[in-house]
Amino acid sequence: MAEGRRLLLHGNEAVVEGALAAGMRFFAGYPITPSTEIAERCALRLPQVGGRFIQMEDELASMAAVIGASVVGVKAMTATSGPGFSLMQENIGYAALAEIPCVIVDVQRAGPSTGMPTSPSQGDYMQARWGTHGDHPIIVISPSSAQEAYFETIRAFTLSERLRVPVILLMDETVGHLREGVELLDASEAAASDRLARDDAEQAEKPYAVLPGEYVPRLSPFGQGALYNITGLIHDDRGFPTSSKEAADRLCRRIMEKIAMNAGEIERYESRHMEDAQVCVVSFGGTARAVQAAVDAARGDGIRVGLFRPITVWPFPEAALGRICGRVRDIVVAELNGGQMKMEVERVAAGRCRVHHLGRVNGAILTPGEILAAIREVAG
């Protein structure tokens, strides 16, 4: 496939092209609607670039295989939907504590349980952050277009490799199956950052020792000269289990702080028409496309309304939204769930403005007309 071309791709296909541009050379997964096209395209494209595709027996094994590939230095990814995402959570927690870079794509569908396989939803929002147990670091990105799916997949690999953290690309069926023109970057522009490795064998034997002034330990590929241990237990600098309360406190705080310390690089959001807005609509993913159309229509009617769209949904861009909460009268949260992002918005608003919710849980989308009606009602 020639690079630098504009191709007609749907969001799932754009994810694969973004991952390949970022240097992904291993995919392990199990087919599940509506993410199956990602596995299918990886099966086609990875052999063309010297990569490896494996269809695993289930989602637990898929996540484990991705971790194994990453540990030996290969950029690795898997893709699934809600039911499979639930099965991956234990190993996502393992990757978070063991600080193993990997990218997980969740193309959401209506739930709970097996739900409505071909219908859109945004019901995995809280699960993406808190799905595995214990306090753990995670980054979650939610694109709203096929082009953004391409770019944000590249960024997901960059963040994952630099911070040694699992990164979740939280798609939804709407974006996954939306077909648009996508501009592909050339290799020099697209390549994601590589993880930092130790300089010598003695240092490499301490995969969790942090160099002065750094929050992220440097990881040398396993099997390339240095022996070290990896475990899902609380561990010391050499990766061996420890029951030291001091070591546990230091490790658990550091893996959370490496996200907080890099929030400025991690967080990304879109803000439209907020300069004079009295009403703000907060939305993400595919639903934000309908919100944008509704906001533009409301502006045409003279209503002072704007859009705030988190692209990085975890960590939540609370500082940026907090500034908005201090100057608008009302916020409408539009999402395809029962109010998951609304809870975060209410927390950030802290009573400074009124927060309303427009949600849906029946597998249908929110239309621009419905969102416009909600804006008019709130604007009075």
Protein backbone atom coordinates (compact mmCIF):
# COMPACT_ATOMS: atom_id res chain seq x y z
CA MET A 1 0.00 0.00 0.00
CA ALA A 2 1.49 3.34 -1.06
CA GLU A 3 1.90 5.85 1.74
CA GLY A 4 0.84 9.48 1.58
CA ARG A 5 -2.42 8.61 -0.18
CA ARG A 6 -5.96 9.55 0.70
CA LEU A 7 -8.01 6.39 1.01
CA LEU A 8 -11.67 5.66 1.67
CA LEU A 9 -11.63 3.72 4.95
CA HIS A 10 -14.02 3.06 7.76
CA GLY A 11 -12.87 3.67 11.32
CA ASN A 12 -11.86 0.07 12.00
CA GLU A 13 -9.67 0.00 8.89
CA ALA A 14 -8.16 3.37 9.79
CA VAL A 15 -7.14 1.99 13.19
CA VAL A 16 -5.16 -0.78 11.51
CA GLU A 17 -3.41 1.61 9.13
CA GLY A 18 -2.56 3.92 12.05
CA ALA A 19 -1.20 1.01 14.07
CA LEU A 20 0.98 -0.18 11.18
CA ALA A 21 2.27 3.36 10.64
CA ALA A 22 3.14 3.50 14.35
CA GLY A 23 5.19 0.31 14.02
CA MET A 24 2.72 -2.31 15.31
CA ARG A 25 3.97 -5.70 14.16
CA PHE A 26 1.93 -8.12 16.31
CA PHE A 27 -1.80 -8.58 16.70
CA ALA A 28 -3.55 -11.28 18.71
CA GLY A 29 -7.32 -11.26 18.92
CA TYR A 30 -10.62 -13.05 18.68
CA PRO A 31 -13.39 -11.97 16.25
CA ILE A 32 -16.29 -10.06 17.79
CA THR A 33 -18.81 -7.63 16.31
CA PRO A 34 -18.36 -4.72 15.72
CA SER A 35 -14.55 -4.88 15.84
CA THR A 36 -13.98 -7.92 13.60
CA GLU A 37 -12.78 -5.84 10.64
CA ILE A 38 -9.73 -4.83 12.68
CA ALA A 39 -8.65 -8.47 13.05
CA GLU A 40 -9.46 -9.19 9.41
CA ARG A 41 -7.38 -6.28 8.13
CA CYS A 42 -4.51 -7.12 10.48
CA ALA A 43 -4.54 -10.68 9.11
CA LEU A 44 -4.17 -9.21 5.62
CA ARG A 45 -1.76 -6.35 6.27
CA LEU A 46 0.66 -7.62 8.92
CA PRO A 47 2.26 -10.31 6.70
CA GLN A 48 2.83 -7.61 4.07
CA VAL A 49 5.10 -5.68 6.47
CA GLY A 50 6.81 -8.61 8.17
CA GLY A 51 4.46 -8.73 11.16
CA ARG A 52 2.54 -11.55 12.79
CA PHE A 53 -1.20 -12.11 13.23
CA ILE A 54 -2.61 -14.77 15.55
CA GLN A 55 -6.28 -15.59 16.09
CA MET A 56 -6.43 -16.77 19.69
CA GLU A 57 -8.93 -19.10 21.33
CA ASP A 58 -10.48 -16.28 23.38
CA GLU A 59 -9.95 -12.74 24.64
CA LEU A 60 -8.06 -13.79 27.79
CA ALA A 61 -5.42 -15.50 25.67
CA SER A 62 -5.39 -12.60 23.20
CA MET A 63 -4.42 -10.10 25.88
CA ALA A 64 -1.82 -12.48 27.30
CA ALA A 65 -0.23 -12.93 23.86
CA VAL A 66 -0.07 -9.18 23.34
CA ILE A 67 1.73 -8.80 26.68
CA GLY A 68 4.21 -11.51 25.71
CA ALA A 69 4.98 -9.89 22.36
CA SER A 70 5.45 -6.49 23.94
CA VAL A 71 7.86 -7.80 26.58
CA VAL A 72 10.26 -8.97 23.84
CA GLY A 73 10.19 -5.52 22.27
CA VAL A 74 7.44 -5.73 19.63
CA LYS A 75 4.70 -3.09 19.42
CA ALA A 76 1.52 -5.09 19.94
CA MET A 77 -2.26 -4.54 19.80
CA THR A 78 -5.54 -6.35 20.24
CA ALA A 79 -9.14 -5.39 19.47
CA THR A 80 -12.50 -6.42 20.88
CA SER A 81 -15.94 -5.23 21.96
CA GLY A 82 -17.71 -5.07 25.32
CA PRO A 83 -18.02 -8.78 26.21
CA GLY A 84 -14.43 -9.50 25.19
CA PHE A 85 -13.22 -6.31 26.87
CA SER A 86 -14.60 -7.67 30.14
CA LEU A 87 -12.56 -10.85 29.70
CA MET A 88 -9.38 -8.88 29.07
CA GLN A 89 -9.51 -6.89 32.29
CA GLU A 90 -7.36 -9.18 34.46
CA ASN A 91 -4.48 -9.08 32.00
CA ILE A 92 -4.94 -5.35 31.44
CA GLY A 93 -4.34 -4.97 35.17
CA TYR A 94 -1.26 -7.17 34.86
CA ALA A 95 0.10 -4.93 32.08
CA ALA A 96 -0.63 -1.82 34.15
CA LEU A 97 1.31 -3.03 37.20
CA ALA A 98 4.09 -4.73 35.23
CA GLU A 99 4.30 -1.56 33.07
CA ILE A 100 4.11 -3.37 29.74
CA PRO A 101 3.23 -1.17 26.74
CA CYS A 102 0.23 -2.32 24.69
CA VAL A 103 -2.79 -0.91 22.84
CA ILE A 104 -6.32 -2.29 23.27
CA VAL A 105 -9.12 -1.25 20.90
CA ASP A 106 -12.67 -1.53 22.27
CA VAL A 107 -15.32 -0.93 19.60
CA GLN A 108 -18.33 -0.55 21.88
CA ARG A 109 -21.70 -2.14 21.26
CA ALA A 110 -24.97 -2.03 23.19
CA GLY A 111 -24.97 -4.05 26.40
CA PRO A 112 -24.94 -5.30 29.08
CA SER A 113 -23.86 -8.91 28.54
CA THR A 114 -23.97 -9.84 24.86
CA GLY A 115 -26.53 -7.08 24.38
CA MET A 116 -27.13 -5.92 20.81
CA PRO A 117 -24.01 -6.84 18.80
CA THR A 118 -24.56 -4.52 15.82
CA SER A 119 -25.89 -1.48 17.69
CA PRO A 120 -23.88 1.50 18.94
CA SER A 121 -23.22 2.33 22.56
CA GLN A 122 -20.82 4.23 24.79
CA GLY A 123 -21.49 2.10 27.82
CA ASP A 124 -17.87 1.01 28.39
CA TYR A 125 -16.72 4.49 29.43
CA MET A 126 -16.35 3.74 33.15
CA GLN A 127 -15.17 0.19 32.50
CA ALA A 128 -12.31 1.53 30.40
CA ARG A 129 -11.04 3.40 33.45
CA TRP A 130 -12.01 1.12 36.31
CA GLY A 131 -12.56 -2.29 34.67
CA THR A 132 -9.64 -4.01 36.36
CA HIS A 133 -9.22 -4.08 40.14
CA GLY A 134 -7.07 -1.85 42.31
CA ASP A 135 -5.73 1.63 41.66
CA HIS A 136 -3.98 1.39 38.32
CA PRO A 137 -2.71 3.70 35.57
CA ILE A 138 -4.56 3.80 32.26
CA ILE A 139 -4.97 6.12 29.27
CA VAL A 140 -8.16 6.07 27.20
CA ILE A 141 -8.62 7.87 23.87
CA SER A 142 -11.93 8.20 22.00
CA PRO A 143 -11.85 9.35 18.34
CA SER A 144 -14.85 10.81 16.51
CA SER A 145 -13.91 10.20 12.87
CA ALA A 146 -12.04 7.75 10.70
CA GLN A 147 -9.24 10.26 10.20
CA GLU A 148 -8.99 10.84 13.93
CA ALA A 149 -8.99 7.08 14.52
CA TYR A 150 -5.89 6.90 12.32
CA PHE A 151 -4.03 9.72 14.06
CA GLU A 152 -5.09 8.76 17.59
CA THR A 153 -4.00 5.16 17.09
CA ILE A 154 -0.52 6.45 16.29
CA ARG A 155 -0.65 8.63 19.40
CA ALA A 156 -1.88 5.68 21.48
CA PHE A 157 1.27 3.75 20.60
CA THR A 158 3.47 6.75 21.34
CA LEU A 159 1.95 7.24 24.80
CA SER A 160 2.01 3.52 25.54
CA GLU A 161 5.67 3.12 24.64
CA ARG A 162 6.89 6.31 26.34
CA LEU A 163 4.96 5.81 29.59
CA ARG A 164 4.96 2.00 29.73
CA VAL A 165 1.20 1.84 30.19
CA PRO A 166 -1.76 0.14 28.49
CA VAL A 167 -3.62 2.58 26.24
CA ILE A 168 -7.24 1.91 25.30
CA LEU A 169 -8.71 3.24 22.08
CA LEU A 170 -12.39 3.55 23.03
CA MET A 171 -14.24 3.46 19.73
CA ASP A 172 -17.95 2.95 19.20
CA GLU A 173 -19.82 1.13 16.45
CA THR A 174 -20.71 4.46 14.82
CA VAL A 175 -17.07 5.45 14.27
CA GLY A 176 -15.89 1.89 13.67
CA HIS A 177 -18.19 1.48 10.66
CA LEU A 178 -18.18 5.09 9.44
CA ARG A 179 -16.49 5.32 6.04
CA GLU A 180 -14.58 8.52 5.24
CA GLY A 181 -11.55 9.77 3.37
CA VAL A 182 -8.39 9.27 5.43
CA GLU A 183 -5.04 10.90 4.69
CA LEU A 184 -2.16 8.53 5.37
CA LEU A 185 1.15 9.91 6.59
CA ASP A 186 4.51 8.86 5.26
CA ALA A 187 6.73 6.75 7.47
CA SER A 188 8.89 9.62 8.75
CA GLU A 189 5.84 11.54 9.96
CA ALA A 190 3.88 8.64 11.39
CA ALA A 191 6.32 6.55 13.38
CA ALA A 192 5.46 6.42 17.07
CA SER A 193 8.09 6.87 19.74
CA ASP A 194 10.03 3.81 20.83
CA ARG A 195 10.32 2.87 24.49
CA LEU A 196 13.51 3.80 26.29
CA ALA A 197 15.87 0.94 27.09
CA ARG A 198 18.69 0.56 29.60
CA ASP A 199 22.21 1.48 28.50
CA ASP A 200 24.02 -1.58 29.86
CA ALA A 201 23.38 -5.13 31.08
CA GLU A 202 23.71 -4.30 34.78
CA GLN A 203 21.05 -1.60 34.50
CA ALA A 204 18.84 -3.84 32.34
CA GLU A 205 18.60 -6.35 35.17
CA LYS A 206 16.58 -3.77 37.10
CA PRO A 207 13.57 -3.18 34.83
CA TYR A 208 11.70 -1.23 37.52
CA ALA A 209 14.51 1.00 38.79
CA VAL A 210 13.79 4.62 37.87
CA LEU A 211 16.67 6.86 36.83
CA PRO A 212 17.04 10.21 38.65
CA GLY A 213 14.52 12.76 37.44
CA GLU A 214 12.36 10.17 35.65
CA TYR A 215 9.03 8.54 36.50
CA VAL A 216 9.07 5.78 33.90
CA PRO A 217 11.56 2.90 34.22
CA ARG A 218 13.46 1.86 31.11
CA LEU A 219 12.66 -1.60 29.77
CA SER A 220 15.08 -3.64 27.68
CA PRO A 221 13.54 -6.35 25.49
CA PHE A 222 13.40 -9.67 27.31
CA GLY A 223 15.83 -12.24 25.92
CA GLN A 224 18.35 -9.74 24.60
CA GLY A 225 21.17 -10.25 27.07
CA ALA A 226 19.77 -9.36 30.49
CA LEU A 227 17.77 -11.59 32.81
CA TYR A 228 15.00 -10.05 34.89
CA ASN A 229 11.68 -11.03 36.39
CA ILE A 230 8.15 -9.86 35.54
CA THR A 231 5.20 -10.46 37.84
CA GLY A 232 1.72 -9.21 38.59
CA LEU A 233 2.65 -9.07 42.27
CA ILE A 234 3.98 -5.95 43.95
CA HIS A 235 7.66 -6.10 43.09
CA ASP A 236 11.07 -4.59 43.72
CA ASP A 237 13.39 -2.94 41.20
CA ARG A 238 14.42 -6.35 39.81
CA GLY A 239 10.81 -7.40 39.28
CA PHE A 240 10.69 -9.93 42.13
CA PRO A 241 7.71 -10.05 44.54
CA THR A 242 8.04 -8.14 47.79
CA SER A 243 5.83 -7.71 50.85
CA SER A 244 7.52 -4.44 51.84
CA LYS A 245 4.90 -1.80 52.61
CA GLU A 246 7.38 0.91 51.70
CA ALA A 247 8.12 -0.67 48.32
CA ALA A 248 4.40 -1.17 47.65
CA ASP A 249 3.62 2.46 48.46
CA ARG A 250 6.48 3.70 46.29
CA LEU A 251 5.53 1.52 43.31
CA CYS A 252 1.78 2.14 43.39
CA ARG A 253 2.17 5.88 43.79
CA ARG A 254 4.76 6.11 41.02
CA ILE A 255 2.69 4.29 38.40
CA MET A 256 -0.19 6.69 39.07
CA GLU A 257 2.04 9.75 39.22
CA LYS A 258 3.64 9.02 35.86
CA ILE A 259 0.22 9.69 34.32
CA ALA A 260 -0.45 12.81 36.40
CA MET A 261 3.03 14.20 35.73
CA ASN A 262 2.49 13.89 31.97
CA ALA A 263 -1.15 15.04 31.86
CA GLY A 264 -0.29 17.99 29.63
CA GLU A 265 1.04 15.65 26.96
CA ILE A 266 -1.68 13.03 27.41
CA GLU A 267 -4.83 15.16 27.50
CA ARG A 268 -6.39 16.30 24.25
CA TYR A 269 -9.79 17.89 23.66
CA GLU A 270 -11.77 19.97 21.18
CA SER A 271 -13.58 23.18 22.11
CA ARG A 272 -15.90 24.95 19.65
CA HIS A 273 -17.84 28.23 20.00
CA MET A 274 -17.06 28.50 23.71
CA GLU A 275 -15.93 32.15 23.67
CA ASP A 276 -19.42 33.55 24.36
CA ALA A 277 -21.36 30.39 25.16
CA GLN A 278 -23.95 30.28 27.92
CA VAL A 279 -24.68 26.60 27.26
CA CYS A 280 -22.04 23.93 26.66
CA VAL A 281 -22.70 20.46 25.26
CA VAL A 282 -20.16 17.85 26.40
CA SER A 283 -19.88 14.72 24.28
CA PHE A 284 -17.34 12.24 22.95
CA GLY A 285 -16.80 9.65 20.23
CA GLY A 286 -19.41 9.18 17.53
CA THR A 287 -22.11 11.05 19.43
CA ALA A 288 -20.07 14.25 19.26
CA ARG A 289 -20.60 14.33 15.49
CA ALA A 290 -24.35 14.74 15.97
CA VAL A 291 -23.69 17.30 18.71
CA GLN A 292 -21.55 19.38 16.36
CA ALA A 293 -24.38 19.53 13.81
CA ALA A 294 -26.86 20.49 16.55
CA VAL A 295 -24.58 23.19 17.94
CA ASP A 296 -24.08 24.70 14.49
CA ALA A 297 -27.86 24.72 13.93
CA ALA A 298 -28.47 26.31 17.34
CA ARG A 299 -25.86 28.97 16.60
CA GLY A 300 -27.76 29.73 13.41
CA ASP A 301 -30.83 30.36 15.57
CA GLY A 302 -28.90 32.80 17.75
CA ILE A 303 -28.43 30.47 20.73
CA ARG A 304 -25.09 30.96 22.45
CA VAL A 305 -24.00 27.34 22.74
CA GLY A 306 -20.67 25.57 22.35
CA LEU A 307 -19.16 22.08 22.27
CA PHE A 308 -16.55 20.55 24.54
CA ARG A 309 -15.32 17.17 23.33
CA PRO A 310 -12.80 15.16 25.34
CA ILE A 311 -10.58 13.19 22.96
CA THR A 312 -8.52 11.80 25.80
CA VAL A 313 -11.37 10.69 28.04
CA TRP A 314 -9.09 9.24 30.76
CA PRO A 315 -7.40 11.04 32.38
CA PHE A 316 -10.44 13.29 32.17
CA PRO A 317 -9.52 16.83 31.02
CA GLU A 318 -10.93 18.38 34.18
CA ALA A 319 -8.82 21.56 34.21
CA ALA A 320 -10.05 22.59 30.74
CA LEU A 321 -13.67 21.72 31.53
CA GLY A 322 -13.38 23.39 34.93
CA ARG A 323 -12.64 26.72 33.25
CA ILE A 324 -15.80 26.31 31.18
CA CYS A 325 -17.90 25.40 34.23
CA GLY A 326 -16.90 28.69 35.80
CA ARG A 327 -18.42 30.79 33.04
CA VAL A 328 -21.42 28.93 31.53
CA ARG A 329 -24.90 28.62 32.98
CA ASP A 330 -25.76 25.11 31.80
CA ILE A 331 -24.01 21.98 30.55
CA VAL A 332 -25.74 19.22 28.59
CA VAL A 333 -23.92 15.87 28.52
CA ALA A 334 -24.90 13.84 25.44
CA GLU A 335 -23.80 10.18 25.45
CA LEU A 336 -25.02 6.70 24.57
CA ASN A 337 -25.23 5.38 28.12
CA GLY A 338 -27.11 6.04 31.34
CA GLY A 339 -24.95 8.93 32.53
CA GLN A 340 -21.37 7.73 32.93
CA MET A 341 -19.56 10.83 31.67
CA LYS A 342 -22.23 12.99 33.29
CA MET A 343 -20.91 11.86 36.69
CA GLU A 344 -17.44 13.14 35.82
CA VAL A 345 -18.85 16.44 34.54
CA GLU A 346 -20.88 16.90 37.73
CA ARG A 347 -17.76 16.25 39.79
CA VAL A 348 -15.81 18.90 37.89
CA ALA A 349 -18.69 21.39 37.85
CA ALA A 350 -19.04 21.13 41.63
CA GLY A 351 -22.29 23.11 41.60
CA ARG A 352 -20.96 26.07 39.61
CA CYS A 353 -23.41 25.41 36.76
CA ARG A 354 -26.39 23.18 36.09
CA VAL A 355 -25.65 19.79 34.50
CA HIS A 356 -28.29 18.07 32.35
CA HIS A 357 -28.16 14.66 30.73
CA LEU A 358 -29.27 13.41 27.32
CA GLY A 359 -28.60 9.69 27.12
CA ARG A 360 -29.73 6.58 25.32
CA VAL A 361 -29.32 2.89 26.18
CA ASN A 362 -31.43 1.12 23.52
CA GLY A 363 -28.86 0.75 20.74
CA ALA A 364 -30.06 3.79 18.79
CA ILE A 365 -28.04 6.94 18.13
CA LEU A 366 -28.84 10.45 19.32
CA THR A 367 -29.83 12.55 16.31
CA PRO A 368 -28.88 16.20 15.75
CA GLY A 369 -32.58 17.08 15.98
CA GLU A 370 -32.94 15.52 19.42
CA ILE A 371 -29.81 17.25 20.67
CA LEU A 372 -30.99 20.58 19.22
CA ALA A 373 -34.30 20.20 21.03
CA ALA A 374 -32.44 19.62 24.31
CA ILE A 375 -30.29 22.73 23.69
CA ARG A 376 -33.36 24.86 23.05
CA GLU A 377 -35.07 23.59 26.17
CA VAL A 378 -32.04 24.33 28.38
CA ALA A 379 -31.38 27.71 26.74
CA GLY A 380 -34.95 28.74 27.45
